[in-house]
Amino acid sequence: MAGSDLYTGTLDTMILKAVSWGAMHGYGIGRWIRQNSDDALEINEGALYPALHRLEKKGLLSEEWGVTETNRKAKFYKLTAAGRRQLKAEIVRWKKYSQAVTAVLSASSA
């Protein structure tokens, strides 16, 4: 499923949600997604970092250099005002989509 529009849109939304709690570096974002999905979702670096750059290019994230909890220099990503608006819209869209798929999958045969 990697590279599909569904996966890309879902990953982007999860990244925006992760940084909605505050500035995070890439590894921290991946860890947040893994922890909040009860280890069901593990985002590899080959998908995570291109998504971070894509979101930054769209103006949904900003970046600044900082120091991690292990005293390493890293880029920290922050949600912009446009990113916050996009996240709200995507949450609404995702809930509608999820309800529609659930309804289809729960339907009994005729």
Protein backbone atom coordinates (compact mmCIF):
# COMPACT_ATOMS: atom_id res chain seq x y z
CA MET A 1 0.00 0.00 0.00
CA ALA A 2 3.03 2.28 0.28
CA GLY A 3 2.82 5.14 -2.18
CA SER A 4 -0.95 4.96 -2.57
CA ASP A 5 -3.02 8.12 -2.08
CA LEU A 6 -4.79 6.56 0.91
CA TYR A 7 -1.52 5.72 2.65
CA THR A 8 0.05 9.10 1.84
CA GLY A 9 -2.98 11.05 3.05
CA THR A 10 -3.25 8.96 6.19
CA LEU A 11 0.45 9.33 6.98
CA ASP A 12 0.30 13.08 6.43
CA THR A 13 -2.70 13.37 8.76
CA MET A 14 -1.01 11.27 11.46
CA ILE A 15 2.11 13.43 11.25
CA LEU A 16 0.04 16.61 11.59
CA LYS A 17 -1.73 15.09 14.60
CA ALA A 18 1.58 14.11 16.21
CA VAL A 19 3.02 17.61 15.98
CA SER A 20 -0.26 19.19 17.11
CA TRP A 21 0.95 18.32 20.63
CA GLY A 22 4.12 20.39 20.16
CA ALA A 23 7.36 20.48 18.18
CA MET A 24 8.85 17.04 17.52
CA HIS A 25 11.82 15.63 15.63
CA GLY A 26 11.35 12.93 13.00
CA TYR A 27 12.23 9.96 15.21
CA GLY A 28 9.86 11.29 17.91
CA ILE A 29 7.03 11.58 15.37
CA GLY A 30 7.53 7.98 14.27
CA ARG A 31 7.65 6.85 17.90
CA TRP A 32 4.46 8.81 18.72
CA ILE A 33 2.58 7.16 15.85
CA ARG A 34 3.83 3.70 16.88
CA GLN A 35 2.92 4.21 20.54
CA ASN A 36 -0.50 5.69 19.81
CA SER A 37 -1.36 2.84 17.46
CA ASP A 38 -0.42 0.25 20.10
CA ASP A 39 2.57 -0.75 17.94
CA ALA A 40 0.31 -1.55 14.95
CA LEU A 41 1.85 1.18 12.78
CA GLU A 42 5.57 1.54 12.34
CA ILE A 43 6.53 4.21 9.85
CA ASN A 44 9.87 3.62 8.18
CA GLU A 45 12.23 6.51 7.57
CA GLY A 46 11.87 6.09 3.81
CA ALA A 47 8.23 7.16 4.11
CA LEU A 48 8.44 9.51 7.12
CA TYR A 49 11.07 11.98 5.99
CA PRO A 50 9.70 12.53 2.47
CA ALA A 51 6.28 13.15 4.10
CA LEU A 52 7.80 15.70 6.50
CA HIS A 53 9.45 17.53 3.60
CA ARG A 54 6.22 17.41 1.56
CA LEU A 55 4.21 18.88 4.46
CA GLU A 56 6.81 21.57 5.00
CA LYS A 57 6.80 22.46 1.29
CA LYS A 58 3.00 22.81 1.46
CA GLY A 59 3.37 25.23 4.39
CA LEU A 60 1.69 22.88 6.87
CA LEU A 61 4.84 22.37 8.97
CA SER A 62 7.73 24.62 9.89
CA GLU A 63 11.11 23.44 11.11
CA GLU A 64 13.83 24.58 13.45
CA TRP A 65 16.98 22.99 14.77
CA GLY A 66 17.07 21.88 18.37
CA VAL A 67 18.52 19.31 20.73
CA THR A 68 16.81 15.98 21.43
CA GLU A 69 16.31 14.35 24.81
CA THR A 70 19.49 12.35 24.07
CA ASN A 71 21.44 15.58 23.48
CA ARG A 72 21.63 15.22 19.69
CA LYS A 73 21.06 18.02 17.21
CA ALA A 74 17.92 17.44 15.11
CA LYS A 75 15.26 19.23 13.09
CA PHE A 76 12.07 19.78 15.04
CA TYR A 77 8.81 20.16 13.13
CA LYS A 78 5.97 22.42 14.23
CA LEU A 79 2.42 22.77 13.02
CA THR A 80 1.72 26.05 11.22
CA ALA A 81 -1.65 27.83 11.30
CA ALA A 82 -2.36 26.36 7.85
CA GLY A 83 -1.35 22.94 9.18
CA ARG A 84 -3.76 23.26 12.09
CA ARG A 85 -6.61 24.12 9.68
CA GLN A 86 -5.65 21.20 7.43
CA LEU A 87 -5.58 18.81 10.38
CA LYS A 88 -9.07 19.84 11.47
CA ALA A 89 -10.40 19.35 7.93
CA GLU A 90 -8.67 15.98 7.56
CA ILE A 91 -10.06 14.71 10.88
CA VAL A 92 -13.60 15.53 9.70
CA ARG A 93 -12.93 13.90 6.31
CA TRP A 94 -11.36 10.82 7.92
CA LYS A 95 -14.28 10.32 10.32
CA LYS A 96 -16.80 10.48 7.44
CA TYR A 97 -14.71 8.09 5.36
CA SER A 98 -14.24 5.68 8.26
CA GLN A 99 -17.98 5.64 8.99
CA ALA A 100 -18.75 4.96 5.33
CA VAL A 101 -16.27 2.06 5.10
CA THR A 102 -17.54 0.63 8.39
CA ALA A 103 -21.12 0.77 7.07
CA VAL A 104 -20.13 -1.05 3.88
CA LEU A 105 -18.14 -3.72 5.73
CA SER A 106 -20.95 -4.22 8.25
CA ALA A 107 -23.67 -4.66 5.62
CA SER A 108 -25.33 -8.05 5.47
CA SER A 109 -25.83 -9.66 2.10
CA ALA A 110 -29.16 -9.23 0.43
